Amino acid sequence: MTTQPEVRRWGDSEFQVLGTLREWSIIDRLRDIKVPTLLINGAEDYTQDICVEPFQKGIGEELTTWVKFHYSSHMPFWEEPEKYLQTVRDFLLNNE
């Protein structure tokens, strides 16, 4: 039996990177993003602010819109659907 490629790359748990991607990062290439970017996380998300902040700084605050959903975990589209849809709608309308 072979290990599935995603398990080899990430590891057995989504919460701890133990696979071949453990040393990989995109942070040093974020400056190459030159389009408006929507960043989203939830108050109870495992993607806490400390995880999102490098993306905002790397892309640039002038190009990013960061929205934190205060009543959500990792699924604001499910937990706060009206606010989520309005957030995405506003972002798209303001960044045509």
N, C-alpha and C. Protein backbone atom coordinates (compact mmCIF):
# COMPACT_ATOMS: atom_id res chain seq x y z
N MET A 1 0.84 -1.19 0.00
CA MET A 1 0.00 0.00 0.00
C MET A 1 0.89 1.25 0.00
N THR A 2 0.56 2.22 -0.86
CA THR A 2 1.33 3.44 -0.93
C THR A 2 0.63 4.55 -0.18
N THR A 3 1.41 5.50 0.28
CA THR A 3 0.86 6.66 0.97
C THR A 3 0.32 7.64 -0.06
N GLN A 4 -0.83 8.22 0.22
CA GLN A 4 -1.41 9.20 -0.70
C GLN A 4 -0.49 10.41 -0.78
N PRO A 5 -0.39 11.02 -1.97
CA PRO A 5 0.53 12.16 -2.14
C PRO A 5 0.29 13.28 -1.13
N GLU A 6 -0.97 13.62 -0.84
CA GLU A 6 -1.22 14.73 0.10
C GLU A 6 -0.75 14.41 1.50
N VAL A 7 -0.76 13.15 1.89
CA VAL A 7 -0.27 12.76 3.22
C VAL A 7 1.25 12.90 3.25
N ARG A 8 1.92 12.50 2.20
CA ARG A 8 3.39 12.65 2.15
C ARG A 8 3.78 14.12 2.20
N ARG A 9 3.01 14.97 1.51
CA ARG A 9 3.36 16.39 1.46
C ARG A 9 3.06 17.11 2.76
N TRP A 10 1.92 16.84 3.38
CA TRP A 10 1.50 17.59 4.56
C TRP A 10 1.76 16.81 5.84
N GLY A 11 1.36 15.56 5.88
CA GLY A 11 1.48 14.75 7.08
C GLY A 11 0.13 14.18 7.45
N ASP A 12 0.07 13.47 8.54
CA ASP A 12 -1.16 12.79 8.96
C ASP A 12 -2.21 13.71 9.56
N SER A 13 -1.82 14.89 10.00
CA SER A 13 -2.74 15.81 10.68
C SER A 13 -2.70 17.17 10.01
N GLU A 14 -3.87 17.78 9.85
CA GLU A 14 -3.91 19.11 9.26
C GLU A 14 -3.36 20.17 10.20
N PHE A 15 -3.19 19.83 11.47
CA PHE A 15 -2.75 20.79 12.47
C PHE A 15 -1.23 20.81 12.69
N GLN A 16 -0.53 19.85 12.12
CA GLN A 16 0.92 19.80 12.29
C GLN A 16 1.54 19.30 10.99
N VAL A 17 2.36 20.15 10.38
CA VAL A 17 2.99 19.79 9.11
C VAL A 17 4.22 18.94 9.40
N LEU A 18 4.17 17.70 8.98
CA LEU A 18 5.29 16.79 9.17
C LEU A 18 5.81 16.22 7.86
N GLY A 19 5.14 16.54 6.76
CA GLY A 19 5.51 15.99 5.46
C GLY A 19 6.56 16.83 4.76
N THR A 20 6.69 16.62 3.46
CA THR A 20 7.72 17.29 2.67
C THR A 20 7.50 18.80 2.55
N LEU A 21 6.30 19.29 2.86
CA LEU A 21 6.02 20.74 2.78
C LEU A 21 6.38 21.49 4.07
N ARG A 22 6.90 20.81 5.05
CA ARG A 22 7.13 21.45 6.36
C ARG A 22 8.07 22.64 6.29
N GLU A 23 8.97 22.68 5.32
CA GLU A 23 9.92 23.80 5.19
C GLU A 23 9.52 24.80 4.10
N TRP A 24 8.40 24.53 3.38
CA TRP A 24 8.00 25.36 2.26
C TRP A 24 7.21 26.57 2.75
N SER A 25 7.41 27.70 2.12
CA SER A 25 6.66 28.91 2.44
C SER A 25 6.50 29.76 1.19
N ILE A 26 5.42 30.47 1.12
CA ILE A 26 5.15 31.39 0.01
C ILE A 26 5.37 32.84 0.43
N ILE A 27 5.62 33.06 1.71
CA ILE A 27 5.70 34.42 2.27
C ILE A 27 6.66 35.31 1.48
N ASP A 28 7.81 34.80 1.09
CA ASP A 28 8.79 35.64 0.39
C ASP A 28 8.38 35.98 -1.03
N ARG A 29 7.31 35.41 -1.54
CA ARG A 29 6.83 35.71 -2.91
C ARG A 29 5.54 36.53 -2.91
N LEU A 30 5.01 36.86 -1.75
CA LEU A 30 3.75 37.60 -1.68
C LEU A 30 3.86 38.97 -2.34
N ARG A 31 5.04 39.56 -2.33
CA ARG A 31 5.23 40.88 -2.95
C ARG A 31 4.92 40.85 -4.45
N ASP A 32 4.90 39.66 -5.04
CA ASP A 32 4.59 39.53 -6.47
C ASP A 32 3.10 39.64 -6.76
N ILE A 33 2.27 39.58 -5.74
CA ILE A 33 0.82 39.73 -5.92
C ILE A 33 0.52 41.21 -6.10
N LYS A 34 -0.06 41.56 -7.21
CA LYS A 34 -0.29 42.97 -7.55
C LYS A 34 -1.78 43.28 -7.77
N VAL A 35 -2.65 42.45 -7.23
CA VAL A 35 -4.09 42.65 -7.39
C VAL A 35 -4.74 42.72 -6.01
N PRO A 36 -5.90 43.38 -5.92
CA PRO A 36 -6.61 43.41 -4.64
C PRO A 36 -6.88 41.99 -4.15
N THR A 37 -6.66 41.78 -2.86
CA THR A 37 -6.76 40.45 -2.27
C THR A 37 -7.60 40.51 -1.01
N LEU A 38 -8.57 39.61 -0.92
CA LEU A 38 -9.43 39.52 0.25
C LEU A 38 -8.88 38.44 1.19
N LEU A 39 -8.60 38.83 2.42
CA LEU A 39 -8.13 37.92 3.46
C LEU A 39 -9.24 37.75 4.48
N ILE A 40 -9.54 36.52 4.83
CA ILE A 40 -10.64 36.23 5.75
C ILE A 40 -10.17 35.24 6.81
N ASN A 41 -10.56 35.50 8.05
CA ASN A 41 -10.40 34.50 9.10
C ASN A 41 -11.52 34.70 10.12
N GLY A 42 -11.66 33.74 11.01
CA GLY A 42 -12.68 33.81 12.03
C GLY A 42 -12.06 33.93 13.41
N ALA A 43 -12.82 34.46 14.34
CA ALA A 43 -12.34 34.64 15.71
C ALA A 43 -11.94 33.31 16.34
N GLU A 44 -12.65 32.24 15.99
CA GLU A 44 -12.35 30.92 16.54
C GLU A 44 -11.66 30.02 15.52
N ASP A 45 -11.07 30.64 14.53
CA ASP A 45 -10.39 29.94 13.45
C ASP A 45 -9.04 29.44 13.93
N TYR A 46 -8.56 28.31 13.38
CA TYR A 46 -7.18 27.95 13.68
C TYR A 46 -6.22 28.79 12.86
N THR A 47 -6.74 29.53 11.90
CA THR A 47 -5.96 30.54 11.19
C THR A 47 -6.15 31.86 11.93
N GLN A 48 -5.42 32.02 13.00
CA GLN A 48 -5.53 33.22 13.83
C GLN A 48 -4.83 34.40 13.15
N ASP A 49 -5.01 35.58 13.73
CA ASP A 49 -4.45 36.80 13.16
C ASP A 49 -2.95 36.69 12.90
N ILE A 50 -2.24 36.01 13.77
CA ILE A 50 -0.80 35.86 13.61
C ILE A 50 -0.44 35.11 12.32
N CYS A 51 -1.39 34.32 11.82
CA CYS A 51 -1.19 33.60 10.55
C CYS A 51 -1.56 34.47 9.36
N VAL A 52 -2.52 35.36 9.51
CA VAL A 52 -3.00 36.19 8.40
C VAL A 52 -2.13 37.42 8.21
N GLU A 53 -1.62 37.96 9.30
CA GLU A 53 -0.86 39.21 9.25
C GLU A 53 0.32 39.19 8.27
N PRO A 54 1.11 38.11 8.19
CA PRO A 54 2.20 38.11 7.20
C PRO A 54 1.72 38.22 5.76
N PHE A 55 0.51 37.72 5.48
CA PHE A 55 -0.04 37.84 4.14
C PHE A 55 -0.44 39.29 3.86
N GLN A 56 -1.04 39.95 4.84
CA GLN A 56 -1.40 41.34 4.66
C GLN A 56 -0.15 42.21 4.46
N LYS A 57 0.85 41.98 5.28
CA LYS A 57 2.09 42.77 5.15
C LYS A 57 2.84 42.42 3.88
N GLY A 58 2.87 41.15 3.52
CA GLY A 58 3.61 40.72 2.33
C GLY A 58 3.00 41.20 1.04
N ILE A 59 1.69 41.18 0.94
CA ILE A 59 0.99 41.67 -0.26
C ILE A 59 0.96 43.19 -0.24
N GLY A 60 0.75 43.74 0.94
CA GLY A 60 0.67 45.19 1.12
C GLY A 60 -0.72 45.59 1.58
N GLU A 61 -0.75 46.41 2.60
CA GLU A 61 -2.03 46.83 3.17
C GLU A 61 -2.89 47.58 2.15
N GLU A 62 -2.26 48.25 1.19
CA GLU A 62 -3.02 49.00 0.18
C GLU A 62 -3.75 48.08 -0.79
N LEU A 63 -3.32 46.83 -0.91
CA LEU A 63 -3.96 45.88 -1.81
C LEU A 63 -4.84 44.86 -1.10
N THR A 64 -4.79 44.84 0.22
CA THR A 64 -5.54 43.81 0.94
C THR A 64 -6.73 44.39 1.69
N THR A 65 -7.75 43.58 1.74
CA THR A 65 -8.90 43.82 2.60
C THR A 65 -8.97 42.61 3.53
N TRP A 66 -8.83 42.85 4.81
CA TRP A 66 -8.82 41.77 5.79
C TRP A 66 -10.09 41.87 6.62
N VAL A 67 -10.88 40.82 6.59
CA VAL A 67 -12.13 40.77 7.36
C VAL A 67 -12.07 39.59 8.33
N LYS A 68 -12.28 39.90 9.59
CA LYS A 68 -12.33 38.87 10.62
C LYS A 68 -13.79 38.68 11.02
N PHE A 69 -14.25 37.45 10.96
CA PHE A 69 -15.63 37.12 11.32
C PHE A 69 -15.65 36.73 12.79
N HIS A 70 -16.32 37.55 13.58
CA HIS A 70 -16.26 37.42 15.04
C HIS A 70 -17.09 36.28 15.61
N TYR A 71 -17.95 35.69 14.81
CA TYR A 71 -18.78 34.58 15.30
C TYR A 71 -18.54 33.31 14.50
N SER A 72 -17.33 33.18 13.99
CA SER A 72 -17.01 32.05 13.12
C SER A 72 -15.72 31.36 13.53
N SER A 73 -15.64 30.12 13.08
CA SER A 73 -14.38 29.40 13.17
C SER A 73 -13.74 29.47 11.78
N HIS A 74 -13.54 28.34 11.14
CA HIS A 74 -12.88 28.30 9.83
C HIS A 74 -13.90 28.31 8.68
N MET A 75 -15.20 28.47 9.00
CA MET A 75 -16.22 28.39 7.96
C MET A 75 -17.23 29.53 8.05
N PRO A 76 -16.79 30.78 7.88
CA PRO A 76 -17.75 31.89 7.97
C PRO A 76 -18.83 31.83 6.91
N PHE A 77 -18.56 31.18 5.78
CA PHE A 77 -19.58 31.03 4.74
C PHE A 77 -20.75 30.20 5.26
N TRP A 78 -20.52 29.39 6.28
CA TRP A 78 -21.57 28.56 6.89
C TRP A 78 -22.08 29.18 8.19
N GLU A 79 -21.18 29.74 8.96
CA GLU A 79 -21.51 30.24 10.30
C GLU A 79 -22.07 31.66 10.29
N GLU A 80 -21.66 32.48 9.34
CA GLU A 80 -22.16 33.84 9.18
C GLU A 80 -22.42 34.10 7.70
N PRO A 81 -23.33 33.34 7.10
CA PRO A 81 -23.48 33.39 5.64
C PRO A 81 -23.87 34.77 5.09
N GLU A 82 -24.74 35.49 5.76
CA GLU A 82 -25.15 36.80 5.24
C GLU A 82 -23.97 37.77 5.21
N LYS A 83 -23.23 37.83 6.33
CA LYS A 83 -22.08 38.73 6.38
C LYS A 83 -21.01 38.28 5.38
N TYR A 84 -20.81 36.99 5.28
CA TYR A 84 -19.80 36.46 4.35
C TYR A 84 -20.15 36.85 2.91
N LEU A 85 -21.38 36.59 2.50
CA LEU A 85 -21.79 36.91 1.13
C LEU A 85 -21.70 38.41 0.86
N GLN A 86 -22.09 39.22 1.84
CA GLN A 86 -22.01 40.67 1.68
C GLN A 86 -20.55 41.12 1.57
N THR A 87 -19.68 40.50 2.36
CA THR A 87 -18.26 40.84 2.33
C THR A 87 -17.66 40.52 0.96
N VAL A 88 -17.94 39.34 0.45
CA VAL A 88 -17.42 38.96 -0.87
C VAL A 88 -18.02 39.84 -1.96
N ARG A 89 -19.31 40.09 -1.87
CA ARG A 89 -19.99 40.95 -2.86
C ARG A 89 -19.37 42.35 -2.87
N ASP A 90 -19.21 42.93 -1.69
CA ASP A 90 -18.62 44.29 -1.60
C ASP A 90 -17.20 44.31 -2.14
N PHE A 91 -16.42 43.31 -1.80
CA PHE A 91 -15.05 43.24 -2.28
C PHE A 91 -15.01 43.18 -3.81
N LEU A 92 -15.82 42.33 -4.37
CA LEU A 92 -15.84 42.19 -5.83
C LEU A 92 -16.33 43.46 -6.52
N LEU A 93 -17.36 44.09 -5.97
CA LEU A 93 -17.88 45.32 -6.58
C LEU A 93 -16.89 46.47 -6.48
N ASN A 94 -16.12 46.50 -5.39
CA ASN A 94 -15.16 47.58 -5.19
C ASN A 94 -13.83 47.34 -5.90
N ASN A 95 -13.67 46.15 -6.47
CA ASN A 95 -12.39 45.79 -7.09
C ASN A 95 -12.58 45.18 -8.46
N GLU A 96 -13.46 45.78 -9.25
CA GLU A 96 -13.74 45.25 -10.60
C GLU A 96 -12.53 45.37 -11.50
